[in-house]
Amino acid sequence: MSSEMGEIHRTGRDINDVIVHFGGQAESVFSSLAEPGRLSIQKKADDLAAQYLESNPNPDYYDCVEIVSEGVSTAGNEIKASSGSWGESVDAALAAGVGIPAAKIACKRITMS
């Protein structure tokens, strides 16, 4: 294996390790959120997954997770506002990537039905 190929493989592994580590942290943060904040984030993810399903009658779980998690991230201010007194903790949780576990839940619901 050339050194260039070794570098590409190592870089890919490093990126994957970061995604796995970040995903685990996000799930931990999501599960530790107070219920009003968690529900607010999950509601937005569920709404986005329903929109995804309307556009994609044969939904792909991984595609759905990517699109929904991005949508949750970009809807941060809306979710924060709908979280009432929990808005600041929701804002911090969104920064920690909790859109990913919320998207996984929402997308599992539409792809497993």
Protein backbone atom coordinates (compact mmCIF):
# COMPACT_ATOMS: atom_id res chain seq x y z
CA MET A 1 0.00 0.00 0.00
CA SER A 2 1.43 3.38 -0.95
CA SER A 3 1.97 5.97 1.75
CA GLU A 4 -0.72 8.11 0.10
CA MET A 5 -3.26 5.28 0.39
CA GLY A 6 -2.22 4.71 3.99
CA GLU A 7 -2.79 8.39 4.71
CA ILE A 8 -6.25 8.30 3.11
CA HIS A 9 -7.20 5.18 5.09
CA ARG A 10 -5.91 6.66 8.35
CA THR A 11 -7.75 9.93 7.70
CA GLY A 12 -10.99 8.06 6.95
CA ARG A 13 -10.64 6.06 10.15
CA ASP A 14 -9.94 9.25 12.14
CA ILE A 15 -13.03 10.92 10.69
CA ASN A 16 -15.15 7.86 11.46
CA ASP A 17 -13.83 7.79 15.05
CA VAL A 18 -14.84 11.43 15.48
CA ILE A 19 -18.34 10.76 14.14
CA VAL A 20 -18.81 7.77 16.44
CA HIS A 21 -17.47 9.67 19.45
CA PHE A 22 -19.52 12.78 18.67
CA GLY A 23 -22.64 10.69 18.08
CA GLY A 24 -22.27 9.02 21.46
CA GLN A 25 -21.84 12.35 23.19
CA ALA A 26 -24.87 13.78 21.40
CA GLU A 27 -27.02 10.82 22.47
CA SER A 28 -25.89 11.26 26.06
CA VAL A 29 -26.70 14.98 25.98
CA PHE A 30 -30.06 14.31 24.32
CA SER A 31 -31.11 11.73 26.89
CA SER A 32 -30.06 13.99 29.77
CA LEU A 33 -32.09 16.99 28.57
CA ALA A 34 -35.14 17.99 30.58
CA GLU A 35 -38.29 16.56 29.03
CA PRO A 36 -39.65 19.87 27.64
CA GLY A 37 -36.43 20.51 25.75
CA ARG A 38 -36.12 16.94 24.51
CA LEU A 39 -39.75 16.94 23.34
CA SER A 40 -39.30 20.25 21.52
CA ILE A 41 -36.29 18.91 19.61
CA GLN A 42 -37.98 15.59 18.88
CA LYS A 43 -41.14 17.31 17.62
CA LYS A 44 -39.10 19.29 15.10
CA ALA A 45 -37.25 16.13 14.01
CA ASP A 46 -40.55 14.27 13.63
CA ASP A 47 -42.00 17.12 11.55
CA LEU A 48 -38.93 17.16 9.30
CA ALA A 49 -39.01 13.38 8.91
CA ALA A 50 -42.68 13.58 7.88
CA GLN A 51 -41.75 16.19 5.25
CA TYR A 52 -38.93 13.95 4.07
CA LEU A 53 -41.37 11.03 3.73
CA GLU A 54 -43.75 13.16 1.64
CA SER A 55 -40.92 13.91 -0.79
CA ASN A 56 -39.48 10.39 -0.70
CA PRO A 57 -42.12 7.63 -0.77
CA ASN A 58 -39.30 5.04 -0.44
CA PRO A 59 -37.30 6.67 2.35
CA ASP A 60 -33.67 5.83 2.97
CA TYR A 61 -32.85 5.82 6.70
CA TYR A 62 -29.34 7.27 6.35
CA ASP A 63 -30.40 9.95 3.89
CA CYS A 64 -33.27 10.84 6.22
CA VAL A 65 -30.98 11.11 9.26
CA GLU A 66 -28.63 13.43 7.40
CA ILE A 67 -31.39 15.72 6.12
CA VAL A 68 -33.38 15.78 9.37
CA SER A 69 -30.36 16.40 11.60
CA GLU A 70 -29.31 19.31 9.38
CA GLY A 71 -32.86 20.68 9.53
CA VAL A 72 -32.93 20.43 13.32
CA SER A 73 -29.64 22.31 13.50
CA THR A 74 -30.83 25.09 11.22
CA ALA A 75 -34.13 25.38 13.14
CA GLY A 76 -32.25 26.07 16.38
CA ASN A 77 -33.83 29.46 17.10
CA GLU A 78 -37.33 28.12 16.45
CA ILE A 79 -36.74 25.14 18.74
CA LYS A 80 -35.16 27.34 21.41
CA ALA A 81 -38.17 29.67 21.34
CA SER A 82 -40.64 26.79 21.62
CA SER A 83 -38.76 25.37 24.62
CA GLY A 84 -39.76 28.19 26.96
CA SER A 85 -37.61 28.39 30.06
CA TRP A 86 -35.50 25.48 28.81
CA GLY A 87 -34.41 27.45 25.73
CA GLU A 88 -30.82 28.05 26.85
CA SER A 89 -30.18 24.40 27.67
CA VAL A 90 -31.78 23.41 24.35
CA ASP A 91 -29.52 25.87 22.55
CA ALA A 92 -26.45 24.32 24.18
CA ALA A 93 -27.71 20.81 23.41
CA LEU A 94 -28.23 21.72 19.74
CA ALA A 95 -24.65 22.95 19.64
CA ALA A 96 -23.62 19.54 21.01
CA GLY A 97 -25.29 17.81 18.06
CA VAL A 98 -28.51 16.46 19.58
CA GLY A 99 -30.16 16.77 16.19
CA ILE A 100 -28.49 13.49 15.27
CA PRO A 101 -30.13 11.25 17.89
CA ALA A 102 -33.47 13.02 17.41
CA ALA A 103 -33.18 12.45 13.65
CA LYS A 104 -32.32 8.77 14.20
CA ILE A 105 -35.50 8.30 16.25
CA ALA A 106 -37.69 10.17 13.77
CA CYS A 107 -36.24 8.45 10.72
CA LYS A 108 -36.48 5.00 12.29
CA ARG A 109 -40.21 5.65 12.77
CA ILE A 110 -40.80 6.44 9.11
CA THR A 111 -38.51 3.81 7.60
CA MET A 112 -39.57 0.92 9.86
CA SER A 113 -43.31 1.41 9.42
